[in-house]
Amino acid sequence: MTPNQRPEFAETLAATLSIYRMELTPALLSVYWEDLSIFDLAAVKQALSMHRRNPDNGQFAPKPADIVRLLGGTSKDRAILAWNKTKKAIGSVGSYTSVVFDDALIHAVVSDMGGWPALCHGSEEELTFRQKDFENRYRTYLFNPPSSYPRVLAGVSETENAASGFAIDPPLSVGDREQCKLVYRGGDATQKAPVALVSQSNVVQMQLAQKR
């Protein structure tokens, strides 16, 4: 979620908590926002609705952990999904093209692991071992979000062209385009890394607006 979505989030959460005769105080809102703001607003609203209709747990007010569980299963499940998306991009995009994912945590993890080209150049056997490292880092960031991340995971071509003063091609996108734009705009331009977005069916190239 973005800061300008906080009022809508607060309205939905307040309505939900009112069912349980609870008041959403500013302090309580801050707690929920801190724990859930890394997720998409529409997904959070859907998870709150699912909790309200749950015959087993719906009689109790939702805690942040309840919503996280509904949003993506366990942290392990979310890490596996993130790795699968990344590995698919490795095979379909490759190390030369810059990429932007629709998940900022993927950017942070790949950067920590040496960058996009370094991850792509690993053999299939090496990727099997690196998967565990990726998932562990991702799970850590789920509960302790990074203060910054590279807005683009730079490929080999971007790095070489930038060093030689040549034009740089726009990155590719992996996942939801609008979310990719948000990831790009929220990223740190000083952290160099390629940007790629890969849809479920194919790889599409898109020009991302410059961060202002």
N, C-alpha and C. Protein backbone atom coordinates (compact mmCIF):
# COMPACT_ATOMS: atom_id res chain seq x y z
N MET A 1 0.84 -1.18 0.00
CA MET A 1 0.00 0.00 0.00
C MET A 1 0.88 1.24 0.00
N THR A 2 0.33 2.30 -0.50
CA THR A 2 1.04 3.57 -0.53
C THR A 2 0.49 4.48 0.57
N PRO A 3 1.26 5.49 0.99
CA PRO A 3 0.80 6.37 2.07
C PRO A 3 -0.56 7.01 1.80
N ASN A 4 -0.84 7.34 0.53
CA ASN A 4 -2.13 7.98 0.24
C ASN A 4 -3.30 7.00 0.31
N GLN A 5 -3.01 5.70 0.46
CA GLN A 5 -4.07 4.71 0.62
C GLN A 5 -4.38 4.43 2.09
N ARG A 6 -3.62 5.05 2.97
CA ARG A 6 -3.81 4.80 4.40
C ARG A 6 -5.22 5.15 4.87
N PRO A 7 -5.82 6.29 4.45
CA PRO A 7 -7.18 6.60 4.90
C PRO A 7 -8.19 5.53 4.51
N GLU A 8 -8.09 5.02 3.28
CA GLU A 8 -9.02 3.98 2.84
C GLU A 8 -8.81 2.70 3.64
N PHE A 9 -7.54 2.38 3.90
CA PHE A 9 -7.23 1.21 4.72
C PHE A 9 -7.81 1.38 6.12
N ALA A 10 -7.65 2.57 6.69
CA ALA A 10 -8.15 2.85 8.04
C ALA A 10 -9.67 2.73 8.09
N GLU A 11 -10.34 3.22 7.06
CA GLU A 11 -11.80 3.15 7.02
C GLU A 11 -12.28 1.70 7.01
N THR A 12 -11.64 0.87 6.18
CA THR A 12 -12.03 -0.54 6.10
C THR A 12 -11.73 -1.26 7.40
N LEU A 13 -10.57 -1.00 7.98
CA LEU A 13 -10.19 -1.66 9.23
C LEU A 13 -11.11 -1.23 10.37
N ALA A 14 -11.45 0.06 10.42
CA ALA A 14 -12.33 0.56 11.48
C ALA A 14 -13.70 -0.10 11.39
N ALA A 15 -14.21 -0.24 10.16
CA ALA A 15 -15.51 -0.87 9.98
C ALA A 15 -15.47 -2.33 10.42
N THR A 16 -14.37 -2.99 10.11
CA THR A 16 -14.22 -4.40 10.50
C THR A 16 -14.16 -4.53 12.02
N LEU A 17 -13.33 -3.72 12.66
CA LEU A 17 -13.18 -3.82 14.11
C LEU A 17 -14.45 -3.43 14.86
N SER A 18 -15.28 -2.58 14.24
CA SER A 18 -16.52 -2.18 14.89
C SER A 18 -17.46 -3.36 15.08
N ILE A 19 -17.35 -4.36 14.21
CA ILE A 19 -18.16 -5.57 14.34
C ILE A 19 -17.85 -6.27 15.66
N TYR A 20 -16.61 -6.13 16.09
CA TYR A 20 -16.16 -6.77 17.33
C TYR A 20 -16.16 -5.79 18.50
N ARG A 21 -16.88 -4.68 18.33
CA ARG A 21 -17.01 -3.65 19.37
C ARG A 21 -15.64 -3.09 19.78
N MET A 22 -14.77 -2.94 18.78
CA MET A 22 -13.45 -2.37 19.02
C MET A 22 -13.33 -1.04 18.29
N GLU A 23 -12.66 -0.09 18.92
CA GLU A 23 -12.43 1.21 18.30
C GLU A 23 -11.01 1.25 17.72
N LEU A 24 -10.90 1.78 16.52
CA LEU A 24 -9.59 1.90 15.88
C LEU A 24 -8.93 3.20 16.33
N THR A 25 -8.08 3.12 17.31
CA THR A 25 -7.36 4.30 17.80
C THR A 25 -6.17 4.59 16.89
N PRO A 26 -5.64 5.80 16.93
CA PRO A 26 -4.45 6.11 16.11
C PRO A 26 -3.29 5.16 16.38
N ALA A 27 -3.10 4.80 17.64
CA ALA A 27 -1.99 3.89 17.97
C ALA A 27 -2.22 2.51 17.37
N LEU A 28 -3.46 2.04 17.44
CA LEU A 28 -3.78 0.72 16.89
C LEU A 28 -3.65 0.73 15.37
N LEU A 29 -4.09 1.81 14.74
CA LEU A 29 -3.95 1.93 13.29
C LEU A 29 -2.48 1.87 12.89
N SER A 30 -1.63 2.52 13.66
CA SER A 30 -0.19 2.52 13.34
C SER A 30 0.38 1.11 13.38
N VAL A 31 -0.09 0.30 14.33
CA VAL A 31 0.39 -1.07 14.44
C VAL A 31 -0.03 -1.89 13.21
N TYR A 32 -1.30 -1.80 12.86
CA TYR A 32 -1.79 -2.54 11.69
C TYR A 32 -1.11 -2.06 10.41
N TRP A 33 -0.92 -0.76 10.31
CA TRP A 33 -0.29 -0.20 9.11
C TRP A 33 1.16 -0.66 8.99
N GLU A 34 1.86 -0.67 10.09
CA GLU A 34 3.26 -1.11 10.07
C GLU A 34 3.38 -2.55 9.60
N ASP A 35 2.44 -3.39 10.02
CA ASP A 35 2.53 -4.81 9.70
C ASP A 35 1.96 -5.16 8.33
N LEU A 36 1.02 -4.37 7.83
CA LEU A 36 0.31 -4.75 6.60
C LEU A 36 0.57 -3.84 5.41
N SER A 37 1.26 -2.73 5.60
CA SER A 37 1.42 -1.76 4.50
C SER A 37 2.26 -2.29 3.34
N ILE A 38 3.00 -3.37 3.55
CA ILE A 38 3.80 -3.92 2.45
C ILE A 38 2.93 -4.67 1.45
N PHE A 39 1.66 -4.89 1.80
CA PHE A 39 0.77 -5.64 0.92
C PHE A 39 -0.12 -4.70 0.10
N ASP A 40 -0.69 -5.22 -0.95
CA ASP A 40 -1.60 -4.47 -1.82
C ASP A 40 -2.91 -4.19 -1.09
N LEU A 41 -3.45 -2.99 -1.25
CA LEU A 41 -4.67 -2.60 -0.54
C LEU A 41 -5.84 -3.51 -0.88
N ALA A 42 -6.03 -3.78 -2.16
CA ALA A 42 -7.16 -4.64 -2.56
C ALA A 42 -7.05 -6.02 -1.93
N ALA A 43 -5.83 -6.53 -1.85
CA ALA A 43 -5.63 -7.85 -1.26
C ALA A 43 -5.91 -7.82 0.24
N VAL A 44 -5.51 -6.75 0.91
CA VAL A 44 -5.77 -6.62 2.35
C VAL A 44 -7.27 -6.54 2.62
N LYS A 45 -7.98 -5.76 1.82
CA LYS A 45 -9.43 -5.63 1.99
C LYS A 45 -10.12 -6.97 1.77
N GLN A 46 -9.64 -7.72 0.79
CA GLN A 46 -10.21 -9.04 0.54
C GLN A 46 -9.94 -9.99 1.71
N ALA A 47 -8.73 -9.92 2.26
CA ALA A 47 -8.38 -10.77 3.40
C ALA A 47 -9.22 -10.43 4.62
N LEU A 48 -9.49 -9.16 4.85
CA LEU A 48 -10.34 -8.76 5.96
C LEU A 48 -11.75 -9.31 5.78
N SER A 49 -12.24 -9.26 4.55
CA SER A 49 -13.56 -9.81 4.25
C SER A 49 -13.59 -11.32 4.49
N MET A 50 -12.54 -12.00 4.07
CA MET A 50 -12.46 -13.45 4.27
C MET A 50 -12.45 -13.79 5.75
N HIS A 51 -11.74 -12.99 6.53
CA HIS A 51 -11.70 -13.24 7.98
C HIS A 51 -13.08 -13.07 8.60
N ARG A 52 -13.79 -12.02 8.20
CA ARG A 52 -15.12 -11.77 8.77
C ARG A 52 -16.07 -12.92 8.48
N ARG A 53 -15.89 -13.57 7.34
CA ARG A 53 -16.79 -14.66 6.93
C ARG A 53 -16.31 -16.04 7.35
N ASN A 54 -15.16 -16.09 8.01
CA ASN A 54 -14.60 -17.38 8.43
C ASN A 54 -15.38 -17.93 9.62
N PRO A 55 -16.03 -19.09 9.47
CA PRO A 55 -16.84 -19.62 10.57
C PRO A 55 -16.02 -20.09 11.77
N ASP A 56 -14.73 -20.32 11.58
CA ASP A 56 -13.89 -20.80 12.67
C ASP A 56 -13.27 -19.67 13.48
N ASN A 57 -12.70 -18.69 12.77
CA ASN A 57 -12.00 -17.59 13.46
C ASN A 57 -12.69 -16.25 13.34
N GLY A 58 -13.74 -16.19 12.54
CA GLY A 58 -14.38 -14.91 12.27
C GLY A 58 -15.08 -14.27 13.44
N GLN A 59 -15.26 -15.02 14.53
CA GLN A 59 -15.90 -14.43 15.71
C GLN A 59 -14.94 -13.61 16.55
N PHE A 60 -13.65 -13.67 16.18
CA PHE A 60 -12.63 -12.90 16.89
C PHE A 60 -12.08 -11.80 15.98
N ALA A 61 -11.69 -10.69 16.58
CA ALA A 61 -11.12 -9.59 15.80
C ALA A 61 -9.82 -10.04 15.12
N PRO A 62 -9.62 -9.63 13.88
CA PRO A 62 -8.43 -10.07 13.15
C PRO A 62 -7.15 -9.40 13.66
N LYS A 63 -6.16 -10.20 13.95
CA LYS A 63 -4.83 -9.68 14.27
C LYS A 63 -4.03 -9.58 12.97
N PRO A 64 -3.00 -8.77 12.92
CA PRO A 64 -2.21 -8.67 11.69
C PRO A 64 -1.75 -10.03 11.17
N ALA A 65 -1.36 -10.93 12.08
CA ALA A 65 -0.91 -12.26 11.65
C ALA A 65 -2.01 -13.03 10.94
N ASP A 66 -3.27 -12.82 11.36
CA ASP A 66 -4.39 -13.48 10.69
C ASP A 66 -4.51 -13.01 9.24
N ILE A 67 -4.33 -11.72 9.04
CA ILE A 67 -4.44 -11.16 7.69
C ILE A 67 -3.27 -11.61 6.82
N VAL A 68 -2.07 -11.60 7.38
CA VAL A 68 -0.90 -12.06 6.62
C VAL A 68 -1.08 -13.50 6.20
N ARG A 69 -1.62 -14.32 7.09
CA ARG A 69 -1.83 -15.73 6.78
C ARG A 69 -2.80 -15.88 5.61
N LEU A 70 -3.86 -15.09 5.61
CA LEU A 70 -4.84 -15.16 4.53
C LEU A 70 -4.29 -14.58 3.23
N LEU A 71 -3.45 -13.58 3.34
CA LEU A 71 -2.91 -12.93 2.15
C LEU A 71 -2.02 -13.85 1.33
N GLY A 72 -1.18 -14.60 1.99
CA GLY A 72 -0.26 -15.41 1.21
C GLY A 72 0.15 -16.69 1.86
N GLY A 73 -0.68 -17.21 2.75
CA GLY A 73 -0.27 -18.41 3.44
C GLY A 73 0.85 -18.08 4.40
N THR A 74 1.68 -19.03 4.66
CA THR A 74 2.81 -18.81 5.56
C THR A 74 3.89 -18.01 4.86
N SER A 75 4.82 -17.51 5.64
CA SER A 75 5.94 -16.76 5.04
C SER A 75 6.74 -17.66 4.11
N LYS A 76 6.79 -18.94 4.43
CA LYS A 76 7.50 -19.88 3.58
C LYS A 76 6.83 -19.99 2.22
N ASP A 77 5.49 -20.04 2.22
CA ASP A 77 4.75 -20.11 0.96
C ASP A 77 5.04 -18.89 0.10
N ARG A 78 5.03 -17.72 0.71
CA ARG A 78 5.27 -16.48 -0.04
C ARG A 78 6.68 -16.44 -0.59
N ALA A 79 7.63 -16.95 0.18
CA ALA A 79 9.02 -16.96 -0.29
C ALA A 79 9.19 -17.90 -1.47
N ILE A 80 8.51 -19.03 -1.44
CA ILE A 80 8.57 -19.99 -2.55
C ILE A 80 7.98 -19.38 -3.81
N LEU A 81 6.85 -18.69 -3.67
CA LEU A 81 6.22 -18.05 -4.82
C LEU A 81 7.15 -16.98 -5.41
N ALA A 82 7.80 -16.22 -4.54
CA ALA A 82 8.72 -15.18 -5.00
C ALA A 82 9.90 -15.80 -5.74
N TRP A 83 10.42 -16.90 -5.23
CA TRP A 83 11.54 -17.57 -5.90
C TRP A 83 11.11 -18.12 -7.26
N ASN A 84 9.93 -18.72 -7.32
CA ASN A 84 9.45 -19.27 -8.59
C ASN A 84 9.31 -18.17 -9.64
N LYS A 85 8.83 -17.01 -9.23
CA LYS A 85 8.71 -15.88 -10.15
C LYS A 85 10.09 -15.43 -10.62
N THR A 86 11.03 -15.38 -9.69
CA THR A 86 12.39 -14.96 -10.03
C THR A 86 13.07 -15.96 -10.95
N LYS A 87 12.93 -17.23 -10.64
CA LYS A 87 13.57 -18.27 -11.46
C LYS A 87 12.99 -18.28 -12.87
N LYS A 88 11.69 -18.04 -12.99
CA LYS A 88 11.07 -17.98 -14.31
C LYS A 88 11.66 -16.84 -15.12
N ALA A 89 11.88 -15.71 -14.47
CA ALA A 89 12.47 -14.56 -15.15
C ALA A 89 13.91 -14.83 -15.55
N ILE A 90 14.63 -15.57 -14.72
CA ILE A 90 16.01 -15.92 -15.06
C ILE A 90 16.05 -16.69 -16.37
N GLY A 91 15.12 -17.63 -16.53
CA GLY A 91 15.08 -18.44 -17.73
C GLY A 91 14.54 -17.72 -18.95
N SER A 92 13.57 -16.83 -18.75
CA SER A 92 12.92 -16.20 -19.90
C SER A 92 13.52 -14.85 -20.28
N VAL A 93 14.15 -14.17 -19.33
CA VAL A 93 14.73 -12.85 -19.59
C VAL A 93 16.24 -12.93 -19.74
N GLY A 94 16.89 -13.54 -18.77
CA GLY A 94 18.34 -13.67 -18.83
C GLY A 94 19.08 -12.51 -18.21
N SER A 95 20.40 -12.64 -18.17
CA SER A 95 21.23 -11.69 -17.43
C SER A 95 21.47 -10.37 -18.15
N TYR A 96 21.27 -10.31 -19.48
CA TYR A 96 21.62 -9.11 -20.23
C TYR A 96 20.55 -8.03 -20.15
N THR A 97 19.32 -8.42 -19.87
CA THR A 97 18.22 -7.46 -19.85
C THR A 97 17.91 -7.01 -18.43
N SER A 98 17.70 -5.73 -18.26
CA SER A 98 17.32 -5.19 -16.95
C SER A 98 15.85 -5.50 -16.69
N VAL A 99 15.52 -5.67 -15.40
CA VAL A 99 14.15 -6.05 -15.06
C VAL A 99 13.60 -5.26 -13.87
N VAL A 100 12.25 -5.21 -13.80
CA VAL A 100 11.55 -4.65 -12.64
C VAL A 100 10.46 -5.65 -12.27
N PHE A 101 10.50 -6.15 -11.07
CA PHE A 101 9.47 -7.07 -10.59
C PHE A 101 8.33 -6.29 -9.94
N ASP A 102 7.21 -6.96 -9.76
CA ASP A 102 6.08 -6.32 -9.07
C ASP A 102 6.16 -6.54 -7.56
N ASP A 103 7.32 -6.95 -7.09
CA ASP A 103 7.53 -7.22 -5.67
C ASP A 103 8.86 -6.59 -5.26
N ALA A 104 8.80 -5.55 -4.46
CA ALA A 104 10.01 -4.83 -4.06
C ALA A 104 10.96 -5.71 -3.26
N LEU A 105 10.42 -6.67 -2.54
CA LEU A 105 11.29 -7.54 -1.73
C LEU A 105 12.20 -8.39 -2.61
N ILE A 106 11.73 -8.75 -3.79
CA ILE A 106 12.58 -9.49 -4.72
C ILE A 106 13.77 -8.64 -5.11
N HIS A 107 13.55 -7.36 -5.35
CA HIS A 107 14.65 -6.45 -5.68
C HIS A 107 15.69 -6.42 -4.56
N ALA A 108 15.20 -6.31 -3.33
CA ALA A 108 16.11 -6.24 -2.19
C ALA A 108 16.92 -7.52 -2.04
N VAL A 109 16.25 -8.66 -2.20
CA VAL A 109 16.93 -9.94 -2.03
C VAL A 109 17.96 -10.17 -3.13
N VAL A 110 17.57 -9.93 -4.39
CA VAL A 110 18.49 -10.14 -5.51
C VAL A 110 19.71 -9.23 -5.37
N SER A 111 19.48 -8.00 -4.95
CA SER A 111 20.59 -7.07 -4.74
C SER A 111 21.55 -7.59 -3.68
N ASP A 112 20.99 -8.11 -2.59
CA ASP A 112 21.81 -8.66 -1.51
C ASP A 112 22.63 -9.86 -1.98
N MET A 113 22.10 -10.59 -2.96
CA MET A 113 22.76 -11.80 -3.44
C MET A 113 23.74 -11.54 -4.58
N GLY A 114 24.04 -10.27 -4.82
CA GLY A 114 25.05 -9.94 -5.82
C GLY A 114 24.54 -9.31 -7.09
N GLY A 115 23.22 -9.13 -7.21
CA GLY A 115 22.66 -8.50 -8.40
C GLY A 115 22.10 -9.50 -9.40
N TRP A 116 21.39 -8.96 -10.38
CA TRP A 116 20.69 -9.77 -11.36
C TRP A 116 21.62 -10.65 -12.21
N PRO A 117 22.66 -10.11 -12.83
CA PRO A 117 23.54 -10.95 -13.65
C PRO A 117 24.18 -12.08 -12.85
N ALA A 118 24.60 -11.79 -11.63
CA ALA A 118 25.24 -12.81 -10.80
C ALA A 118 24.29 -13.96 -10.52
N LEU A 119 23.04 -13.64 -10.27
CA LEU A 119 22.05 -14.69 -10.00
C LEU A 119 21.75 -15.49 -11.25
N CYS A 120 21.66 -14.80 -12.39
CA CYS A 120 21.33 -15.47 -13.65
C CYS A 120 22.45 -16.39 -14.13
N HIS A 121 23.69 -16.08 -13.81
CA HIS A 121 24.82 -16.84 -14.33
C HIS A 121 25.06 -18.16 -13.60
N GLY A 122 24.31 -18.40 -12.55
CA GLY A 122 24.49 -19.64 -11.81
C GLY A 122 23.96 -20.83 -12.59
N SER A 123 24.60 -21.96 -12.42
CA SER A 123 24.14 -23.20 -13.07
C SER A 123 22.85 -23.67 -12.40
N GLU A 124 22.20 -24.63 -13.02
CA GLU A 124 20.96 -25.16 -12.45
C GLU A 124 21.22 -25.74 -11.06
N GLU A 125 22.35 -26.39 -10.90
CA GLU A 125 22.69 -26.95 -9.59
C GLU A 125 22.93 -25.84 -8.57
N GLU A 126 23.61 -24.78 -9.00
CA GLU A 126 23.88 -23.66 -8.10
C GLU A 126 22.59 -22.96 -7.70
N LEU A 127 21.65 -22.85 -8.65
CA LEU A 127 20.38 -22.20 -8.36
C LEU A 127 19.61 -22.98 -7.30
N THR A 128 19.75 -24.29 -7.32
CA THR A 128 19.07 -25.11 -6.32
C THR A 128 19.55 -24.75 -4.92
N PHE A 129 20.85 -24.53 -4.78
CA PHE A 129 21.40 -24.15 -3.48
C PHE A 129 21.06 -22.70 -3.13
N ARG A 130 21.02 -21.84 -4.14
CA ARG A 130 20.75 -20.43 -3.90
C ARG A 130 19.28 -20.18 -3.57
N GLN A 131 18.44 -21.12 -3.95
CA GLN A 131 17.02 -20.98 -3.64
C GLN A 131 16.79 -20.84 -2.14
N LYS A 132 17.46 -21.66 -1.35
CA LYS A 132 17.29 -21.60 0.10
C LYS A 132 17.75 -20.25 0.64
N ASP A 133 18.87 -19.75 0.13
CA ASP A 133 19.37 -18.45 0.55
C ASP A 133 18.36 -17.36 0.21
N PHE A 134 17.83 -17.42 -1.01
CA PHE A 134 16.83 -16.45 -1.46
C PHE A 134 15.62 -16.47 -0.54
N GLU A 135 15.09 -17.65 -0.28
CA GLU A 135 13.88 -17.77 0.51
C GLU A 135 14.09 -17.30 1.95
N ASN A 136 15.25 -17.61 2.51
CA ASN A 136 15.53 -17.15 3.88
C ASN A 136 15.61 -15.64 3.96
N ARG A 137 16.27 -15.03 2.97
CA ARG A 137 16.37 -13.57 2.94
C ARG A 137 14.99 -12.94 2.74
N TYR A 138 14.21 -13.53 1.86
CA TYR A 138 12.87 -13.00 1.57
C TYR A 138 11.99 -13.05 2.82
N ARG A 139 12.04 -14.17 3.52
CA ARG A 139 11.22 -14.31 4.72
C ARG A 139 11.64 -13.30 5.79
N THR A 140 12.92 -13.02 5.87
CA THR A 140 13.40 -12.01 6.82
C THR A 140 12.84 -10.64 6.47
N TYR A 141 12.86 -10.30 5.19
CA TYR A 141 12.35 -9.00 4.75
C TYR A 141 10.84 -8.88 4.89
N LEU A 142 10.14 -10.02 4.86
CA LEU A 142 8.69 -9.97 5.04
C LEU A 142 8.32 -9.33 6.38
N PHE A 143 9.10 -9.63 7.39
CA PHE A 143 8.80 -9.14 8.73
C PHE A 143 9.68 -7.97 9.14
N ASN A 144 10.74 -7.74 8.38
CA ASN A 144 11.62 -6.59 8.61
C ASN A 144 11.93 -5.94 7.26
N PRO A 145 10.97 -5.22 6.69
CA PRO A 145 11.14 -4.65 5.35
C PRO A 145 12.39 -3.79 5.24
N PRO A 146 13.08 -3.86 4.10
CA PRO A 146 14.29 -3.07 3.90
C PRO A 146 13.97 -1.58 3.84
N SER A 147 14.90 -0.77 4.28
CA SER A 147 14.69 0.68 4.24
C SER A 147 14.76 1.22 2.82
N SER A 148 15.44 0.49 1.94
CA SER A 148 15.54 0.89 0.53
C SER A 148 15.84 -0.34 -0.31
N TYR A 149 15.64 -0.19 -1.62
CA TYR A 149 15.92 -1.27 -2.56
C TYR A 149 16.18 -0.65 -3.93
N PRO A 150 16.91 -1.32 -4.81
CA PRO A 150 17.15 -0.77 -6.15
C PRO A 150 15.87 -0.79 -6.98
N ARG A 151 15.55 0.32 -7.62
CA ARG A 151 14.31 0.36 -8.38
C ARG A 151 14.40 -0.47 -9.65
N VAL A 152 15.60 -0.74 -10.09
CA VAL A 152 15.80 -1.57 -11.28
C VAL A 152 16.88 -2.60 -10.97
N LEU A 153 16.65 -3.84 -11.42
CA LEU A 153 17.70 -4.86 -11.34
C LEU A 153 18.41 -4.83 -12.68
N ALA A 154 19.57 -4.18 -12.71
CA ALA A 154 20.25 -3.90 -13.97
C ALA A 154 20.89 -5.14 -14.56
N GLY A 155 20.71 -5.29 -15.87
CA GLY A 155 21.33 -6.39 -16.58
C GLY A 155 22.72 -6.01 -17.07
N VAL A 156 23.37 -6.98 -17.71
CA VAL A 156 24.72 -6.76 -18.21
C VAL A 156 24.75 -5.63 -19.23
N SER A 157 23.76 -5.60 -20.13
CA SER A 157 23.73 -4.58 -21.19
C SER A 157 23.65 -3.18 -20.60
N GLU A 158 22.80 -3.00 -19.61
CA GLU A 158 22.65 -1.67 -19.01
C GLU A 158 23.95 -1.23 -18.36
N THR A 159 24.58 -2.13 -17.65
CA THR A 159 25.83 -1.80 -16.96
C THR A 159 26.92 -1.42 -17.95
N GLU A 160 27.06 -2.21 -19.02
CA GLU A 160 28.11 -1.95 -20.01
C GLU A 160 27.81 -0.68 -20.80
N ASN A 161 26.55 -0.48 -21.20
CA ASN A 161 26.20 0.72 -21.97
C ASN A 161 26.37 1.99 -21.14
N ALA A 162 26.01 1.91 -19.86
CA ALA A 162 26.16 3.08 -18.99
C ALA A 162 27.63 3.44 -18.84
N ALA A 163 28.48 2.43 -18.73
CA ALA A 163 29.91 2.68 -18.57
C ALA A 163 30.53 3.27 -19.84
N SER A 164 29.94 2.93 -21.00
CA SER A 164 30.48 3.39 -22.29
C SER A 164 29.79 4.64 -22.80
N GLY A 165 28.78 5.10 -22.09
CA GLY A 165 28.06 6.29 -22.50
C GLY A 165 27.02 6.05 -23.58
N PHE A 166 26.63 4.79 -23.79
CA PHE A 166 25.62 4.46 -24.80
C PHE A 166 24.23 4.52 -24.19
N ALA A 167 23.23 4.54 -25.08
CA ALA A 167 21.84 4.57 -24.65
C ALA A 167 21.49 3.28 -23.91
N ILE A 168 20.60 3.41 -22.95
CA ILE A 168 20.18 2.25 -22.14
C ILE A 168 18.74 1.90 -22.50
N ASP A 169 18.51 0.64 -22.83
CA ASP A 169 17.16 0.19 -23.15
C ASP A 169 16.29 0.16 -21.90
N PRO A 170 14.98 0.38 -22.07
CA PRO A 170 14.09 0.31 -20.91
C PRO A 170 14.03 -1.12 -20.37
N PRO A 171 13.71 -1.27 -19.10
CA PRO A 171 13.66 -2.60 -18.50
C PRO A 171 12.41 -3.37 -18.91
N LEU A 172 12.40 -4.64 -18.58
CA LEU A 172 11.23 -5.48 -18.79
C LEU A 172 10.48 -5.60 -17.47
N SER A 173 9.21 -5.97 -17.56
CA SER A 173 8.40 -6.08 -16.35
C SER A 173 7.99 -7.52 -16.08
N VAL A 174 7.98 -7.91 -14.80
CA VAL A 174 7.57 -9.26 -14.40
C VAL A 174 6.41 -9.13 -13.42
N GLY A 175 5.22 -9.55 -13.86
CA GLY A 175 4.07 -9.47 -12.97
C GLY A 175 3.12 -8.36 -13.37
N ASP A 176 2.44 -7.80 -12.39
CA ASP A 176 1.44 -6.76 -12.62
C ASP A 176 2.12 -5.44 -12.99
N ARG A 177 1.74 -4.87 -14.12
CA ARG A 177 2.42 -3.67 -14.62
C ARG A 177 2.30 -2.48 -13.68
N GLU A 178 1.09 -2.27 -13.18
CA GLU A 178 0.89 -1.11 -12.31
C GLU A 178 1.70 -1.25 -11.02
N GLN A 179 1.74 -2.46 -10.50
CA GLN A 179 2.53 -2.69 -9.29
C GLN A 179 4.02 -2.53 -9.58
N CYS A 180 4.43 -2.93 -10.77
CA CYS A 180 5.83 -2.75 -11.16
C CYS A 180 6.20 -1.27 -11.18
N LYS A 181 5.28 -0.45 -11.65
CA LYS A 181 5.54 0.99 -11.68
C LYS A 181 5.72 1.53 -10.27
N LEU A 182 4.90 1.03 -9.34
CA LEU A 182 5.02 1.47 -7.96
C LEU A 182 6.35 1.04 -7.36
N VAL A 183 6.76 -0.18 -7.69
CA VAL A 183 8.05 -0.68 -7.20
C VAL A 183 9.17 0.20 -7.73
N TYR A 184 9.08 0.53 -9.02
CA TYR A 184 10.11 1.35 -9.66
C TYR A 184 10.18 2.74 -9.02
N ARG A 185 9.02 3.35 -8.85
CA ARG A 185 8.99 4.71 -8.31
C ARG A 185 9.43 4.76 -6.85
N GLY A 186 9.20 3.67 -6.13
CA GLY A 186 9.57 3.65 -4.72
C GLY A 186 11.00 3.22 -4.46
N GLY A 187 11.68 2.79 -5.52
CA GLY A 187 13.04 2.29 -5.36
C GLY A 187 14.09 3.39 -5.34
N ASP A 188 15.28 2.99 -4.99
CA ASP A 188 16.42 3.91 -4.88
C ASP A 188 17.20 3.90 -6.19
N ALA A 189 17.26 5.06 -6.84
CA ALA A 189 17.96 5.16 -8.13
C ALA A 189 19.46 5.01 -7.98
N THR A 190 19.98 5.21 -6.79
CA THR A 190 21.43 5.13 -6.60
C THR A 190 21.91 3.69 -6.43
N GLN A 191 20.97 2.79 -6.15
CA GLN A 191 21.33 1.38 -6.05
C GLN A 191 21.15 0.75 -7.42
N LYS A 192 22.24 0.37 -8.04
CA LYS A 192 22.18 -0.13 -9.40
C LYS A 192 21.80 -1.60 -9.44
N ALA A 193 20.78 -1.91 -10.23
CA ALA A 193 20.36 -3.29 -10.44
C ALA A 193 19.35 -3.30 -11.57
N PRO A 194 19.26 -4.35 -12.44
CA PRO A 194 18.37 -4.39 -13.59
C PRO A 194 16.92 -4.49 -13.23
N VAL A 195 16.08 -3.98 -14.10
CA VAL A 195 14.65 -4.02 -13.86
C VAL A 195 13.96 -4.92 -14.87
N ALA A 196 13.19 -5.93 -14.42
CA ALA A 196 12.46 -6.79 -15.34
C ALA A 196 11.11 -7.15 -14.81
N LEU A 197 10.12 -7.18 -15.65
CA LEU A 197 8.77 -7.56 -15.28
C LEU A 197 8.36 -8.71 -16.18
N VAL A 198 7.97 -9.81 -15.60
CA VAL A 198 7.58 -10.96 -16.41
C VAL A 198 6.14 -11.31 -16.11
N SER A 199 5.29 -11.27 -17.12
CA SER A 199 3.90 -11.63 -16.92
C SER A 199 3.81 -13.14 -16.87
N GLN A 200 2.64 -13.66 -16.49
CA GLN A 200 2.50 -15.10 -16.39
C GLN A 200 2.58 -15.77 -17.75
N SER A 201 2.18 -15.08 -18.80
CA SER A 201 2.15 -15.70 -20.12
C SER A 201 3.36 -15.39 -20.97
N ASN A 202 3.88 -14.19 -20.84
CA ASN A 202 5.04 -13.82 -21.66
C ASN A 202 5.78 -12.65 -21.05
N VAL A 203 6.87 -12.31 -21.67
CA VAL A 203 7.68 -11.19 -21.20
C VAL A 203 7.32 -9.97 -22.04
N VAL A 204 7.04 -8.88 -21.38
CA VAL A 204 6.66 -7.68 -22.11
C VAL A 204 7.59 -6.55 -21.72
N GLN A 205 7.89 -5.72 -22.67
CA GLN A 205 8.77 -4.59 -22.41
C GLN A 205 7.93 -3.34 -22.23
N MET A 206 8.33 -2.53 -21.27
CA MET A 206 7.57 -1.31 -21.06
C MET A 206 8.50 -0.21 -20.60
N GLN A 207 8.17 0.98 -21.01
CA GLN A 207 8.96 2.15 -20.61
C GLN A 207 8.42 2.65 -19.28
N LEU A 208 9.25 2.67 -18.28
CA LEU A 208 8.83 3.13 -16.97
C LEU A 208 9.12 4.62 -16.84
N ALA A 209 8.17 5.32 -16.25
CA ALA A 209 8.35 6.76 -16.07
C ALA A 209 9.51 7.02 -15.13
N GLN A 210 10.24 8.09 -15.37
CA GLN A 210 11.36 8.43 -14.52
C GLN A 210 10.85 8.88 -13.16
N LYS A 211 11.56 8.48 -12.13
CA LYS A 211 11.18 8.86 -10.78
C LYS A 211 11.37 10.37 -10.60
N ARG A 212 10.39 10.99 -10.00
CA ARG A 212 10.47 12.44 -9.79
C ARG A 212 10.77 12.75 -8.35
